[in-house]
Amino acid sequence: MSELDKLLPTEIEVELSRETIVIRPLRVGQMPAFLRVLAPMMKDIGSEGIDWLSLFGERGEDLLSAIAIAINKPRKWVDDLAADEAILLAAKVIEVNADFFTRTVMPKLGKLFDQINLDNPAGSTPSKP
């Protein structure tokens, strides 16, 4: 394995209690559905790190669907995972697809945050009608 492969893995094997799952970069056919379920939680996935418990609490349905799409398993299969296994899979899906997240998702987040800051500059509060 080259140094580059170690830094940017193309796939990762994850040992779960039921089986070994191979997580690969998203395929183009997976992207539309993955992005649809990812969109509501994009603000929760940032460079500061991910608060998995909050993310599951607020966007659990979307996150579980994203995991199912990314690992090509039925949603029911994902629903039956132990919580720690689901969090591990979610983290590994993001890790394997980091290039996609950093080149596509994060720049969009930056633009979104910039727009929010332009719409509501620091220290200003919306005026009441």
Protein backbone atom coordinates (compact mmCIF):
# COMPACT_ATOMS: atom_id res chain seq x y z
CA MET A 1 0.00 0.00 0.00
CA SER A 2 1.43 3.38 -0.98
CA GLU A 3 1.63 6.35 1.37
CA LEU A 4 -1.08 8.04 -0.70
CA ASP A 5 -3.36 5.00 -0.31
CA LYS A 6 -2.88 5.20 3.45
CA LEU A 7 -3.79 8.89 3.47
CA LEU A 8 -6.67 8.61 1.00
CA PRO A 9 -8.10 5.12 1.26
CA THR A 10 -10.20 3.99 -1.66
CA GLU A 11 -12.06 1.52 0.49
CA ILE A 12 -12.22 0.44 4.10
CA GLU A 13 -13.32 -2.85 5.61
CA VAL A 14 -15.37 -2.51 8.78
CA GLU A 15 -15.85 -5.54 11.03
CA LEU A 16 -19.32 -5.59 12.54
CA SER A 17 -20.88 -8.21 14.74
CA ARG A 18 -22.85 -9.62 11.81
CA GLU A 19 -20.45 -9.26 8.89
CA THR A 20 -17.61 -7.37 7.29
CA ILE A 21 -18.71 -4.33 5.29
CA VAL A 22 -16.53 -2.85 2.58
CA ILE A 23 -17.06 0.90 2.30
CA ARG A 24 -16.09 2.34 -1.06
CA PRO A 25 -16.27 5.82 -2.53
CA LEU A 26 -19.77 6.69 -3.67
CA ARG A 27 -20.66 5.70 -7.19
CA VAL A 28 -22.31 8.22 -9.45
CA GLY A 29 -25.59 6.29 -9.29
CA GLN A 30 -25.63 6.59 -5.49
CA MET A 31 -25.01 10.33 -5.43
CA PRO A 32 -28.50 11.71 -6.20
CA ALA A 33 -30.19 9.75 -3.40
CA PHE A 34 -27.25 10.26 -1.04
CA LEU A 35 -27.23 14.03 -1.61
CA ARG A 36 -31.01 14.26 -1.14
CA VAL A 37 -30.78 12.72 2.32
CA LEU A 38 -27.52 14.50 3.14
CA ALA A 39 -28.77 18.01 2.32
CA PRO A 40 -30.76 18.55 5.54
CA MET A 41 -27.74 17.66 7.68
CA MET A 42 -25.03 19.48 5.73
CA LYS A 43 -24.85 22.23 8.34
CA ASP A 44 -24.13 19.59 10.99
CA ILE A 45 -21.16 18.12 9.12
CA GLY A 46 -18.36 20.63 9.39
CA SER A 47 -14.66 20.94 9.80
CA GLU A 48 -15.05 21.39 13.56
CA GLY A 49 -15.93 17.72 13.97
CA ILE A 50 -19.25 15.96 14.16
CA ASP A 51 -21.40 15.64 17.25
CA TRP A 52 -22.76 12.20 16.37
CA LEU A 53 -25.33 12.05 19.17
CA SER A 54 -26.82 15.40 18.20
CA LEU A 55 -26.74 14.47 14.55
CA PHE A 56 -28.55 11.21 15.22
CA GLY A 57 -31.03 12.98 17.47
CA GLU A 58 -31.86 15.72 14.98
CA ARG A 59 -31.27 14.00 11.63
CA GLY A 60 -31.19 10.30 12.46
CA GLU A 61 -33.59 9.24 9.71
CA ASP A 62 -31.56 11.06 7.07
CA LEU A 63 -28.27 9.75 8.45
CA LEU A 64 -29.46 6.14 8.51
CA SER A 65 -30.72 6.47 4.95
CA ALA A 66 -27.37 7.95 3.86
CA ILE A 67 -25.52 5.02 5.46
CA ALA A 68 -27.79 2.52 3.71
CA ILE A 69 -27.22 4.19 0.33
CA ALA A 70 -23.45 4.42 0.80
CA ILE A 71 -22.96 0.78 1.82
CA ASN A 72 -25.57 -0.53 -0.61
CA LYS A 73 -27.64 -2.23 2.08
CA PRO A 74 -31.38 -2.03 2.74
CA ARG A 75 -32.42 0.59 5.27
CA LYS A 76 -33.91 -2.17 7.45
CA TRP A 77 -30.45 -3.74 7.69
CA VAL A 78 -28.99 -0.44 8.90
CA ASP A 79 -31.90 0.09 11.32
CA ASP A 80 -31.02 -3.20 13.03
CA LEU A 81 -27.41 -2.18 13.77
CA ALA A 82 -26.21 -1.42 17.27
CA ALA A 83 -25.80 2.33 17.81
CA ASP A 84 -22.00 2.13 17.96
CA GLU A 85 -21.91 0.19 14.69
CA ALA A 86 -24.12 2.76 12.94
CA ILE A 87 -21.92 5.63 14.16
CA LEU A 88 -18.79 3.74 13.07
CA LEU A 89 -20.26 3.14 9.60
CA ALA A 90 -21.32 6.79 9.27
CA ALA A 91 -17.84 7.96 10.22
CA LYS A 92 -16.19 5.55 7.79
CA VAL A 93 -18.53 6.56 4.94
CA ILE A 94 -17.45 10.16 5.48
CA GLU A 95 -13.80 9.14 5.79
CA VAL A 96 -13.78 7.17 2.54
CA ASN A 97 -15.63 9.93 0.74
CA ALA A 98 -13.60 12.75 2.30
CA ASP A 99 -12.47 14.02 -1.09
CA PHE A 100 -16.08 14.32 -2.18
CA PHE A 101 -16.99 16.06 1.06
CA THR A 102 -14.05 18.45 0.95
CA ARG A 103 -14.37 19.34 -2.74
CA THR A 104 -18.16 19.48 -2.95
CA VAL A 105 -19.93 19.58 0.39
CA MET A 106 -17.60 21.82 2.40
CA PRO A 107 -17.32 24.59 -0.25
CA LYS A 108 -21.12 24.68 -0.44
CA LEU A 109 -21.26 24.93 3.33
CA GLY A 110 -18.78 27.81 3.20
CA LYS A 111 -20.93 29.63 0.64
CA LEU A 112 -24.02 28.97 2.72
CA PHE A 113 -22.38 30.34 5.87
CA ASP A 114 -21.05 33.34 3.95
CA GLN A 115 -24.55 34.06 2.68
CA ILE A 116 -25.96 33.78 6.19
CA ASN A 117 -23.31 36.22 7.43
CA LEU A 118 -24.14 38.66 4.61
CA ASP A 119 -27.84 38.41 5.36
CA ASN A 120 -27.29 38.88 9.09
CA PRO A 121 -23.96 40.64 9.86
CA ALA A 122 -22.34 39.93 13.22
CA GLY A 123 -23.98 41.80 16.02
CA SER A 124 -27.13 42.70 14.10
CA THR A 125 -30.49 41.32 15.03
CA PRO A 126 -33.55 41.16 12.86
CA SER A 127 -35.80 44.14 13.39
CA LYS A 128 -39.37 43.66 14.45
CA PRO A 129 -42.08 44.85 12.05
